[in-house]
Amino acid sequence: MSRLQTPIRRNDTVIITTGKDRGKKGRVIKVVTEKNRLIVEGVNLIKRHTRPNPAKNVKGGIVSREASLHASNVQLVCPECGAMTRIGRKVLADGRKVRTCRKCEGVVDK
């Protein structure tokens, strides 16, 4: 199976567009390109029941953690204009390819 390309990368700020966490903002912790999914900090929390394991120093109980979201359910927040936007691509004069905001034409990449 081929890898799917999503324009969203790790440490990008995104806003959730659908689902129970709609309207929340968060930072992307991990991108799973094989399944086109993202894990966003503080969003889509699930309860995980864990068994204690003294060998790995793990306490048992109910642990809350982030589950993955599909990449189509989030949109990037532009760091310059602060609006949620689609992503364009541009080649700069020095030859670098960068991601750009479709609303303000600002560069998303640092």
PDB file of N, CA and C in Angstrom:
ATOM      1  N   MET A   1       0.837  -1.184   0.000  1.00  0.00           N
ATOM      2  CA  MET A   1       0.000   0.000   0.000  1.00  0.00           C
ATOM      3  C   MET A   1       0.882   1.247   0.000  1.00  0.00           C
ATOM      4  N   SER A   2       0.516   2.213  -0.814  1.00  0.00           N
ATOM      5  CA  SER A   2       1.328   3.420  -0.904  1.00  0.00           C
ATOM      6  C   SER A   2       1.049   4.349   0.267  1.00  0.00           C
ATOM      7  N   ARG A   3       2.015   5.209   0.563  1.00  0.00           N
ATOM      8  CA  ARG A   3       1.856   6.176   1.637  1.00  0.00           C
ATOM      9  C   ARG A   3       1.017   7.343   1.157  1.00  0.00           C
ATOM     10  N   LEU A   4       0.119   7.807   2.009  1.00  0.00           N
ATOM     11  CA  LEU A   4      -0.692   8.961   1.684  1.00  0.00           C
ATOM     12  C   LEU A   4       0.031  10.220   2.133  1.00  0.00           C
ATOM     13  N   GLN A   5      -0.080  11.266   1.362  1.00  0.00           N
ATOM     14  CA  GLN A   5       0.582  12.517   1.700  1.00  0.00           C
ATOM     15  C   GLN A   5      -0.409  13.467   2.338  1.00  0.00           C
ATOM     16  N   THR A   6      -0.122  13.916   3.529  1.00  0.00           N
ATOM     17  CA  THR A   6      -0.901  14.956   4.166  1.00  0.00           C
ATOM     18  C   THR A   6       0.000  16.170   4.343  1.00  0.00           C
ATOM     19  N   PRO A   7      -0.518  17.367   4.080  1.00  0.00           N
ATOM     20  CA  PRO A   7       0.330  18.548   4.199  1.00  0.00           C
ATOM     21  C   PRO A   7       0.580  18.968   5.647  1.00  0.00           C
ATOM     22  N   ILE A   8      -0.042  18.285   6.592  1.00  0.00           N
ATOM     23  CA  ILE A   8       0.120  18.635   8.002  1.00  0.00           C
ATOM     24  C   ILE A   8       1.281  17.832   8.574  1.00  0.00           C
ATOM     25  N   ARG A   9       2.142  18.511   9.337  1.00  0.00           N
ATOM     26  CA  ARG A   9       3.334  17.888   9.906  1.00  0.00           C
ATOM     27  C   ARG A   9       3.318  17.974  11.423  1.00  0.00           C
ATOM     28  N   ARG A  10       4.293  17.313  12.041  1.00  0.00           N
ATOM     29  CA  ARG A  10       4.420  17.335  13.489  1.00  0.00           C
ATOM     30  C   ARG A  10       4.681  18.762  13.971  1.00  0.00           C
ATOM     31  N   ASN A  11       4.152  19.111  15.129  1.00  0.00           N
ATOM     32  CA  ASN A  11       4.266  20.422  15.782  1.00  0.00           C
ATOM     33  C   ASN A  11       3.464  21.526  15.100  1.00  0.00           C
ATOM     34  N   ASP A  12       2.646  21.211  14.095  1.00  0.00           N
ATOM     35  CA  ASP A  12       1.735  22.200  13.525  1.00  0.00           C
ATOM     36  C   ASP A  12       0.561  22.398  14.467  1.00  0.00           C
ATOM     37  N   THR A  13       0.003  23.598  14.489  1.00  0.00           N
ATOM     38  CA  THR A  13      -1.212  23.859  15.250  1.00  0.00           C
ATOM     39  C   THR A  13      -2.390  23.652  14.323  1.00  0.00           C
ATOM     40  N   VAL A  14      -3.358  22.834  14.771  1.00  0.00           N
ATOM     41  CA  VAL A  14      -4.530  22.534  13.945  1.00  0.00           C
ATOM     42  C   VAL A  14      -5.796  22.805  14.740  1.00  0.00           C
ATOM     43  N   ILE A  15      -6.908  22.943  14.020  1.00  0.00           N
ATOM     44  CA  ILE A  15      -8.215  23.090  14.637  1.00  0.00           C
ATOM     45  C   ILE A  15      -9.084  21.932  14.141  1.00  0.00           C
ATOM     46  N   ILE A  16      -9.886  21.361  15.046  1.00  0.00           N
ATOM     47  CA  ILE A  16     -10.722  20.219  14.720  1.00  0.00           C
ATOM     48  C   ILE A  16     -12.000  20.730  14.055  1.00  0.00           C
ATOM     49  N   THR A  17     -12.368  20.163  12.899  1.00  0.00           N
ATOM     50  CA  THR A  17     -13.522  20.651  12.152  1.00  0.00           C
ATOM     51  C   THR A  17     -14.775  19.807  12.349  1.00  0.00           C
ATOM     52  N   THR A  18     -14.640  18.547  12.760  1.00  0.00           N
ATOM     53  CA  THR A  18     -15.804  17.685  12.933  1.00  0.00           C
ATOM     54  C   THR A  18     -15.635  16.823  14.174  1.00  0.00           C
ATOM     55  N   GLY A  19     -16.751  16.262  14.636  1.00  0.00           N
ATOM     56  CA  GLY A  19     -16.708  15.321  15.748  1.00  0.00           C
ATOM     57  C   GLY A  19     -16.967  15.968  17.092  1.00  0.00           C
ATOM     58  N   LYS A  20     -16.755  15.195  18.149  1.00  0.00           N
ATOM     59  CA  LYS A  20     -17.080  15.651  19.502  1.00  0.00           C
ATOM     60  C   LYS A  20     -16.179  16.780  19.989  1.00  0.00           C
ATOM     61  N   ASP A  21     -14.990  16.909  19.416  1.00  0.00           N
ATOM     62  CA  ASP A  21     -14.041  17.952  19.829  1.00  0.00           C
ATOM     63  C   ASP A  21     -13.983  19.111  18.840  1.00  0.00           C
ATOM     64  N   ARG A  22     -15.061  19.317  18.088  1.00  0.00           N
ATOM     65  CA  ARG A  22     -15.087  20.365  17.060  1.00  0.00           C
ATOM     66  C   ARG A  22     -14.820  21.740  17.644  1.00  0.00           C
ATOM     67  N   GLY A  23     -13.911  22.485  17.008  1.00  0.00           N
ATOM     68  CA  GLY A  23     -13.581  23.827  17.454  1.00  0.00           C
ATOM     69  C   GLY A  23     -12.366  23.907  18.353  1.00  0.00           C
ATOM     70  N   LYS A  24     -11.876  22.762  18.836  1.00  0.00           N
ATOM     71  CA  LYS A  24     -10.704  22.770  19.712  1.00  0.00           C
ATOM     72  C   LYS A  24      -9.434  22.916  18.891  1.00  0.00           C
ATOM     73  N   LYS A  25      -8.444  23.592  19.475  1.00  0.00           N
ATOM     74  CA  LYS A  25      -7.132  23.729  18.849  1.00  0.00           C
ATOM     75  C   LYS A  25      -6.140  22.839  19.583  1.00  0.00           C
ATOM     76  N   GLY A  26      -5.147  22.370  18.880  1.00  0.00           N
ATOM     77  CA  GLY A  26      -4.114  21.563  19.494  1.00  0.00           C
ATOM     78  C   GLY A  26      -2.904  21.447  18.597  1.00  0.00           C
ATOM     79  N   ARG A  27      -1.831  20.932  19.190  1.00  0.00           N
ATOM     80  CA  ARG A  27      -0.579  20.740  18.478  1.00  0.00           C
ATOM     81  C   ARG A  27      -0.478  19.280  18.061  1.00  0.00           C
ATOM     82  N   VAL A  28      -0.022  19.028  16.841  1.00  0.00           N
ATOM     83  CA  VAL A  28       0.105  17.667  16.321  1.00  0.00           C
ATOM     84  C   VAL A  28       1.309  17.006  16.983  1.00  0.00           C
ATOM     85  N   ILE A  29       1.061  15.890  17.658  1.00  0.00           N
ATOM     86  CA  ILE A  29       2.121  15.140  18.336  1.00  0.00           C
ATOM     87  C   ILE A  29       2.761  14.135  17.383  1.00  0.00           C
ATOM     88  N   LYS A  30       1.916  13.446  16.600  1.00  0.00           N
ATOM     89  CA  LYS A  30       2.409  12.373  15.746  1.00  0.00           C
ATOM     90  C   LYS A  30       1.564  12.305  14.485  1.00  0.00           C
ATOM     91  N   VAL A  31       2.209  11.987  13.359  1.00  0.00           N
ATOM     92  CA  VAL A  31       1.517  11.797  12.089  1.00  0.00           C
ATOM     93  C   VAL A  31       1.722  10.348  11.659  1.00  0.00           C
ATOM     94  N   VAL A  32       0.618   9.627  11.406  1.00  0.00           N
ATOM     95  CA  VAL A  32       0.678   8.244  10.940  1.00  0.00           C
ATOM     96  C   VAL A  32       0.342   8.265   9.453  1.00  0.00           C
ATOM     97  N   THR A  33       1.361   8.322   8.593  1.00  0.00           N
ATOM     98  CA  THR A  33       1.138   8.503   7.162  1.00  0.00           C
ATOM     99  C   THR A  33       0.520   7.269   6.503  1.00  0.00           C
ATOM    100  N   GLU A  34       0.752   6.083   7.056  1.00  0.00           N
ATOM    101  CA  GLU A  34       0.209   4.861   6.462  1.00  0.00           C
ATOM    102  C   GLU A  34      -1.316   4.860   6.497  1.00  0.00           C
ATOM    103  N   LYS A  35      -1.896   5.434   7.557  1.00  0.00           N
ATOM    104  CA  LYS A  35      -3.350   5.440   7.714  1.00  0.00           C
ATOM    105  C   LYS A  35      -3.951   6.827   7.548  1.00  0.00           C
ATOM    106  N   ASN A  36      -3.119   7.835   7.230  1.00  0.00           N
ATOM    107  CA  ASN A  36      -3.557   9.224   7.045  1.00  0.00           C
ATOM    108  C   ASN A  36      -4.242   9.759   8.306  1.00  0.00           C
ATOM    109  N   ARG A  37      -3.624   9.506   9.457  1.00  0.00           N
ATOM    110  CA  ARG A  37      -4.196   9.906  10.737  1.00  0.00           C
ATOM    111  C   ARG A  37      -3.191  10.734  11.535  1.00  0.00           C
ATOM    112  N   LEU A  38      -3.721  11.500  12.493  1.00  0.00           N
ATOM    113  CA  LEU A  38      -2.906  12.380  13.331  1.00  0.00           C
ATOM    114  C   LEU A  38      -3.259  12.148  14.790  1.00  0.00           C
ATOM    115  N   ILE A  39      -2.304  12.397  15.676  1.00  0.00           N
ATOM    116  CA  ILE A  39      -2.575  12.438  17.106  1.00  0.00           C
ATOM    117  C   ILE A  39      -2.338  13.869  17.538  1.00  0.00           C
ATOM    118  N   VAL A  40      -3.390  14.505  18.086  1.00  0.00           N
ATOM    119  CA  VAL A  40      -3.366  15.912  18.460  1.00  0.00           C
ATOM    120  C   VAL A  40      -3.410  16.017  19.974  1.00  0.00           C
ATOM    121  N   GLU A  41      -2.575  16.897  20.525  1.00  0.00           N
ATOM    122  CA  GLU A  41      -2.433  17.064  21.968  1.00  0.00           C
ATOM    123  C   GLU A  41      -3.732  17.580  22.602  1.00  0.00           C
ATOM    124  N   GLY A  42      -4.256  16.847  23.588  1.00  0.00           N
ATOM    125  CA  GLY A  42      -5.431  17.269  24.346  1.00  0.00           C
ATOM    126  C   GLY A  42      -6.753  17.100  23.629  1.00  0.00           C
ATOM    127  N   VAL A  43      -6.774  16.390  22.503  1.00  0.00           N
ATOM    128  CA  VAL A  43      -7.986  16.222  21.706  1.00  0.00           C
ATOM    129  C   VAL A  43      -8.255  14.738  21.508  1.00  0.00           C
ATOM    130  N   ASN A  44      -9.542  14.356  21.444  1.00  0.00           N
ATOM    131  CA  ASN A  44      -9.975  12.974  21.224  1.00  0.00           C
ATOM    132  C   ASN A  44      -9.430  12.056  22.319  1.00  0.00           C
ATOM    133  N   LEU A  45      -9.661  12.439  23.570  1.00  0.00           N
ATOM    134  CA  LEU A  45      -9.166  11.665  24.706  1.00  0.00           C
ATOM    135  C   LEU A  45     -10.008  10.408  24.904  1.00  0.00           C
ATOM    136  N   ILE A  46      -9.323   9.302  25.180  1.00  0.00           N
ATOM    137  CA  ILE A  46      -9.985   8.039  25.468  1.00  0.00           C
ATOM    138  C   ILE A  46      -9.502   7.531  26.817  1.00  0.00           C
ATOM    139  N   LYS A  47     -10.287   6.666  27.440  1.00  0.00           N
ATOM    140  CA  LYS A  47      -9.902   6.036  28.703  1.00  0.00           C
ATOM    141  C   LYS A  47      -9.322   4.666  28.393  1.00  0.00           C
ATOM    142  N   ARG A  48      -8.144   4.424  28.934  1.00  0.00           N
ATOM    143  CA  ARG A  48      -7.458   3.158  28.694  1.00  0.00           C
ATOM    144  C   ARG A  48      -7.285   2.459  30.046  1.00  0.00           C
ATOM    145  N   HIS A  49      -7.792   1.237  30.173  1.00  0.00           N
ATOM    146  CA  HIS A  49      -7.648   0.473  31.412  1.00  0.00           C
ATOM    147  C   HIS A  49      -6.336  -0.307  31.346  1.00  0.00           C
ATOM    148  N   THR A  50      -5.425  -0.008  32.266  1.00  0.00           N
ATOM    149  CA  THR A  50      -4.116  -0.659  32.242  1.00  0.00           C
ATOM    150  C   THR A  50      -3.940  -1.548  33.464  1.00  0.00           C
ATOM    151  N   ARG A  51      -3.253  -2.633  33.241  1.00  0.00           N
ATOM    152  CA  ARG A  51      -2.946  -3.568  34.314  1.00  0.00           C
ATOM    153  C   ARG A  51      -1.596  -3.187  34.904  1.00  0.00           C
ATOM    154  N   PRO A  52      -1.447  -3.259  36.228  1.00  0.00           N
ATOM    155  CA  PRO A  52      -0.152  -2.914  36.820  1.00  0.00           C
ATOM    156  C   PRO A  52       0.950  -3.892  36.385  1.00  0.00           C
ATOM    157  N   ASN A  53       2.136  -3.332  36.140  1.00  0.00           N
ATOM    158  CA  ASN A  53       3.281  -4.142  35.746  1.00  0.00           C
ATOM    159  C   ASN A  53       4.492  -3.636  36.527  1.00  0.00           C
ATOM    160  N   PRO A  54       4.819  -4.282  37.651  1.00  0.00           N
ATOM    161  CA  PRO A  54       5.935  -3.814  38.474  1.00  0.00           C
ATOM    162  C   PRO A  54       7.289  -3.888  37.767  1.00  0.00           C
ATOM    163  N   ALA A  55       7.445  -4.797  36.803  1.00  0.00           N
ATOM    164  CA  ALA A  55       8.716  -4.927  36.095  1.00  0.00           C
ATOM    165  C   ALA A  55       9.012  -3.676  35.257  1.00  0.00           C
ATOM    166  N   LYS A  56       7.962  -3.073  34.686  1.00  0.00           N
ATOM    167  CA  LYS A  56       8.130  -1.860  33.878  1.00  0.00           C
ATOM    168  C   LYS A  56       7.767  -0.602  34.654  1.00  0.00           C
ATOM    169  N   ASN A  57       7.512  -0.754  35.953  1.00  0.00           N
ATOM    170  CA  ASN A  57       7.176   0.366  36.831  1.00  0.00           C
ATOM    171  C   ASN A  57       5.914   1.102  36.352  1.00  0.00           C
ATOM    172  N   VAL A  58       4.891   0.313  35.941  1.00  0.00           N
ATOM    173  CA  VAL A  58       3.627   0.867  35.466  1.00  0.00           C
ATOM    174  C   VAL A  58       2.568   0.643  36.530  1.00  0.00           C
ATOM    175  N   LYS A  59       1.924   1.735  36.948  1.00  0.00           N
ATOM    176  CA  LYS A  59       0.820   1.604  37.898  1.00  0.00           C
ATOM    177  C   LYS A  59      -0.454   1.288  37.134  1.00  0.00           C
ATOM    178  N   GLY A  60      -1.301   0.504  37.739  1.00  0.00           N
ATOM    179  CA  GLY A  60      -2.556   0.132  37.100  1.00  0.00           C
ATOM    180  C   GLY A  60      -3.608   1.205  37.292  1.00  0.00           C
ATOM    181  N   GLY A  61      -4.709   1.073  36.566  1.00  0.00           N
ATOM    182  CA  GLY A  61      -5.818   2.003  36.707  1.00  0.00           C
ATOM    183  C   GLY A  61      -6.319   2.476  35.364  1.00  0.00           C
ATOM    184  N   ILE A  62      -7.122   3.531  35.399  1.00  0.00           N
ATOM    185  CA  ILE A  62      -7.689   4.096  34.185  1.00  0.00           C
ATOM    186  C   ILE A  62      -6.840   5.292  33.766  1.00  0.00           C
ATOM    187  N   VAL A  63      -6.256   5.200  32.588  1.00  0.00           N
ATOM    188  CA  VAL A  63      -5.376   6.241  32.073  1.00  0.00           C
ATOM    189  C   VAL A  63      -6.075   6.927  30.900  1.00  0.00           C
ATOM    190  N   SER A  64      -6.043   8.249  30.881  1.00  0.00           N
ATOM    191  CA  SER A  64      -6.620   9.015  29.782  1.00  0.00           C
ATOM    192  C   SER A  64      -5.506   9.389  28.811  1.00  0.00           C
ATOM    193  N   ARG A  65      -5.710   9.120  27.508  1.00  0.00           N
ATOM    194  CA  ARG A  65      -4.704   9.442  26.514  1.00  0.00           C
ATOM    195  C   ARG A  65      -5.375   9.819  25.206  1.00  0.00           C
ATOM    196  N   GLU A  66      -4.577  10.380  24.277  1.00  0.00           N
ATOM    197  CA  GLU A  66      -5.103  10.823  22.998  1.00  0.00           C
ATOM    198  C   GLU A  66      -5.198   9.664  22.014  1.00  0.00           C
ATOM    199  N   ALA A  67      -6.310   9.621  21.278  1.00  0.00           N
ATOM    200  CA  ALA A  67      -6.452   8.676  20.181  1.00  0.00           C
ATOM    201  C   ALA A  67      -6.249   9.429  18.874  1.00  0.00           C
ATOM    202  N   SER A  68      -6.083   8.688  17.785  1.00  0.00           N
ATOM    203  CA  SER A  68      -5.808   9.336  16.505  1.00  0.00           C
ATOM    204  C   SER A  68      -7.088   9.859  15.857  1.00  0.00           C
ATOM    205  N   LEU A  69      -6.912  10.868  15.007  1.00  0.00           N
ATOM    206  CA  LEU A  69      -7.986  11.459  14.210  1.00  0.00           C
ATOM    207  C   LEU A  69      -7.630  11.310  12.744  1.00  0.00           C
ATOM    208  N   HIS A  70      -8.623  11.280  11.887  1.00  0.00           N
ATOM    209  CA  HIS A  70      -8.324  11.266  10.462  1.00  0.00           C
ATOM    210  C   HIS A  70      -7.896  12.664  10.033  1.00  0.00           C
ATOM    211  N   ALA A  71      -6.956  12.729   9.118  1.00  0.00           N
ATOM    212  CA  ALA A  71      -6.389  14.013   8.699  1.00  0.00           C
ATOM    213  C   ALA A  71      -7.415  14.918   8.026  1.00  0.00           C
ATOM    214  N   SER A  72      -8.491  14.350   7.487  1.00  0.00           N
ATOM    215  CA  SER A  72      -9.510  15.167   6.833  1.00  0.00           C
ATOM    216  C   SER A  72     -10.382  15.906   7.835  1.00  0.00           C
ATOM    217  N   ASN A  73     -10.303  15.557   9.112  1.00  0.00           N
ATOM    218  CA  ASN A  73     -11.133  16.190  10.135  1.00  0.00           C
ATOM    219  C   ASN A  73     -10.439  17.348  10.838  1.00  0.00           C
ATOM    220  N   VAL A  74      -9.272  17.752  10.359  1.00  0.00           N
ATOM    221  CA  VAL A  74      -8.559  18.886  10.947  1.00  0.00           C
ATOM    222  C   VAL A  74      -8.137  19.847   9.847  1.00  0.00           C
ATOM    223  N   GLN A  75      -7.933  21.116  10.235  1.00  0.00           N
ATOM    224  CA  GLN A  75      -7.380  22.101   9.316  1.00  0.00           C
ATOM    225  C   GLN A  75      -6.264  22.841  10.014  1.00  0.00           C
ATOM    226  N   LEU A  76      -5.269  23.211   9.246  1.00  0.00           N
ATOM    227  CA  LEU A  76      -4.113  23.914   9.772  1.00  0.00           C
ATOM    228  C   LEU A  76      -4.481  25.336  10.174  1.00  0.00           C
ATOM    229  N   VAL A  77      -3.895  25.819  11.277  1.00  0.00           N
ATOM    230  CA  VAL A  77      -4.044  27.210  11.690  1.00  0.00           C
ATOM    231  C   VAL A  77      -2.783  27.939  11.253  1.00  0.00           C
ATOM    232  N   CYS A  78      -2.961  28.997  10.466  1.00  0.00           N
ATOM    233  CA  CYS A  78      -1.825  29.765   9.949  1.00  0.00           C
ATOM    234  C   CYS A  78      -1.150  30.500  11.097  1.00  0.00           C
ATOM    235  N   PRO A  79       0.180  30.386  11.244  1.00  0.00           N
ATOM    236  CA  PRO A  79       0.861  31.076  12.335  1.00  0.00           C
ATOM    237  C   PRO A  79       0.907  32.591  12.157  1.00  0.00           C
ATOM    238  N   GLU A  80       0.733  33.085  10.931  1.00  0.00           N
ATOM    239  CA  GLU A  80       0.785  34.526  10.697  1.00  0.00           C
ATOM    240  C   GLU A  80      -0.562  35.207  10.889  1.00  0.00           C
ATOM    241  N   CYS A  81      -1.622  34.692  10.224  1.00  0.00           N
ATOM    242  CA  CYS A  81      -2.922  35.363  10.318  1.00  0.00           C
ATOM    243  C   CYS A  81      -3.836  34.741  11.369  1.00  0.00           C
ATOM    244  N   GLY A  82      -3.527  33.547  11.853  1.00  0.00           N
ATOM    245  CA  GLY A  82      -4.291  32.923  12.918  1.00  0.00           C
ATOM    246  C   GLY A  82      -5.594  32.286  12.470  1.00  0.00           C
ATOM    247  N   ALA A  83      -5.867  32.246  11.184  1.00  0.00           N
ATOM    248  CA  ALA A  83      -7.101  31.658  10.673  1.00  0.00           C
ATOM    249  C   ALA A  83      -6.857  30.228  10.233  1.00  0.00           C
ATOM    250  N   MET A  84      -7.930  29.408  10.286  1.00  0.00           N
ATOM    251  CA  MET A  84      -7.766  28.058   9.754  1.00  0.00           C
ATOM    252  C   MET A  84      -7.800  28.160   8.235  1.00  0.00           C
ATOM    253  N   THR A  85      -6.904  27.418   7.591  1.00  0.00           N
ATOM    254  CA  THR A  85      -6.683  27.618   6.173  1.00  0.00           C
ATOM    255  C   THR A  85      -6.300  26.319   5.487  1.00  0.00           C
ATOM    256  N   ARG A  86      -6.451  26.338   4.175  1.00  0.00           N
ATOM    257  CA  ARG A  86      -5.892  25.271   3.362  1.00  0.00           C
ATOM    258  C   ARG A  86      -4.427  25.601   3.100  1.00  0.00           C
ATOM    259  N   ILE A  87      -3.706  24.635   2.551  1.00  0.00           N
ATOM    260  CA  ILE A  87      -2.263  24.803   2.401  1.00  0.00           C
ATOM    261  C   ILE A  87      -1.903  24.792   0.929  1.00  0.00           C
ATOM    262  N   GLY A  88      -1.130  25.793   0.529  1.00  0.00           N
ATOM    263  CA  GLY A  88      -0.592  25.839  -0.823  1.00  0.00           C
ATOM    264  C   GLY A  88       0.899  25.574  -0.781  1.00  0.00           C
ATOM    265  N   ARG A  89       1.503  25.451  -1.951  1.00  0.00           N
ATOM    266  CA  ARG A  89       2.941  25.226  -2.036  1.00  0.00           C
ATOM    267  C   ARG A  89       3.549  26.286  -2.938  1.00  0.00           C
ATOM    268  N   LYS A  90       4.781  26.672  -2.598  1.00  0.00           N
ATOM    269  CA  LYS A  90       5.464  27.688  -3.377  1.00  0.00           C
ATOM    270  C   LYS A  90       6.954  27.391  -3.362  1.00  0.00           C
ATOM    271  N   VAL A  91       7.619  27.691  -4.455  1.00  0.00           N
ATOM    272  CA  VAL A  91       9.067  27.561  -4.523  1.00  0.00           C
ATOM    273  C   VAL A  91       9.647  28.961  -4.377  1.00  0.00           C
ATOM    274  N   LEU A  92      10.493  29.156  -3.371  1.00  0.00           N
ATOM    275  CA  LEU A  92      11.087  30.463  -3.127  1.00  0.00           C
ATOM    276  C   LEU A  92      12.244  30.721  -4.093  1.00  0.00           C
ATOM    277  N   ALA A  93      12.763  31.937  -4.055  1.00  0.00           N
ATOM    278  CA  ALA A  93      13.843  32.326  -4.964  1.00  0.00           C
ATOM    279  C   ALA A  93      15.112  31.511  -4.750  1.00  0.00           C
ATOM    280  N   ASP A  94      15.342  31.092  -3.487  1.00  0.00           N
ATOM    281  CA  ASP A  94      16.548  30.300  -3.215  1.00  0.00           C
ATOM    282  C   ASP A  94      16.367  28.812  -3.515  1.00  0.00           C
ATOM    283  N   GLY A  95      15.196  28.421  -4.035  1.00  0.00           N
ATOM    284  CA  GLY A  95      14.975  27.042  -4.440  1.00  0.00           C
ATOM    285  C   GLY A  95      14.262  26.176  -3.421  1.00  0.00           C
ATOM    286  N   ARG A  96      13.976  26.706  -2.226  1.00  0.00           N
ATOM    287  CA  ARG A  96      13.290  25.920  -1.204  1.00  0.00           C
ATOM    288  C   ARG A  96      11.801  25.801  -1.522  1.00  0.00           C
ATOM    289  N   LYS A  97      11.221  24.611  -1.261  1.00  0.00           N
ATOM    290  CA  LYS A  97       9.782  24.434  -1.379  1.00  0.00           C
ATOM    291  C   LYS A  97       9.188  24.657   0.006  1.00  0.00           C
ATOM    292  N   VAL A  98       8.181  25.522   0.117  1.00  0.00           N
ATOM    293  CA  VAL A  98       7.565  25.818   1.402  1.00  0.00           C
ATOM    294  C   VAL A  98       6.054  25.691   1.298  1.00  0.00           C
ATOM    295  N   ARG A  99       5.427  25.466   2.453  1.00  0.00           N
ATOM    296  CA  ARG A  99       3.966  25.458   2.538  1.00  0.00           C
ATOM    297  C   ARG A  99       3.503  26.883   2.810  1.00  0.00           C
ATOM    298  N   THR A 100       2.421  27.295   2.149  1.00  0.00           N
ATOM    299  CA  THR A 100       1.923  28.655   2.321  1.00  0.00           C
ATOM    300  C   THR A 100       0.458  28.634   2.715  1.00  0.00           C
ATOM    301  N   CYS A 101       0.039  29.713   3.364  1.00  0.00           N
ATOM    302  CA  CYS A 101      -1.357  29.925   3.739  1.00  0.00           C
ATOM    303  C   CYS A 101      -2.118  30.387   2.507  1.00  0.00           C
ATOM    304  N   ARG A 102      -3.286  29.821   2.241  1.00  0.00           N
ATOM    305  CA  ARG A 102      -4.066  30.213   1.077  1.00  0.00           C
ATOM    306  C   ARG A 102      -4.791  31.538   1.302  1.00  0.00           C
ATOM    307  N   LYS A 103      -4.916  31.978   2.567  1.00  0.00           N
ATOM    308  CA  LYS A 103      -5.638  33.223   2.848  1.00  0.00           C
ATOM    309  C   LYS A 103      -4.724  34.434   2.820  1.00  0.00           C
ATOM    310  N   CYS A 104      -3.577  34.361   3.524  1.00  0.00           N
ATOM    311  CA  CYS A 104      -2.706  35.538   3.625  1.00  0.00           C
ATOM    312  C   CYS A 104      -1.417  35.389   2.817  1.00  0.00           C
ATOM    313  N   GLU A 105      -1.246  34.241   2.142  1.00  0.00           N
ATOM    314  CA  GLU A 105      -0.045  33.951   1.343  1.00  0.00           C
ATOM    315  C   GLU A 105       1.231  33.950   2.203  1.00  0.00           C
ATOM    316  N   GLY A 106       1.084  33.805   3.520  1.00  0.00           N
ATOM    317  CA  GLY A 106       2.245  33.749   4.405  1.00  0.00           C
ATOM    318  C   GLY A 106       2.875  32.364   4.402  1.00  0.00           C
ATOM    319  N   VAL A 107       4.140  32.307   4.743  1.00  0.00           N
ATOM    320  CA  VAL A 107       4.858  31.026   4.777  1.00  0.00           C
ATOM    321  C   VAL A 107       4.551  30.322   6.102  1.00  0.00           C
ATOM    322  N   VAL A 108       4.115  29.063   6.010  1.00  0.00           N
ATOM    323  CA  VAL A 108       3.769  28.274   7.195  1.00  0.00           C
ATOM    324  C   VAL A 108       5.024  27.666   7.813  1.00  0.00           C
ATOM    325  N   ASP A 109       5.965  27.225   6.969  1.00  0.00           N
ATOM    326  CA  ASP A 109       7.193  26.597   7.461  1.00  0.00           C
ATOM    327  C   ASP A 109       8.099  27.632   8.101  1.00  0.00           C
ATOM    328  N   LYS A 110       8.783  27.217   9.159  1.00  0.00           N
ATOM    329  CA  LYS A 110       9.688  28.140   9.851  1.00  0.00           C
ATOM    330  C   LYS A 110      10.918  28.385   9.022  1.00  0.00           C
TER     331      LYS A 110
END
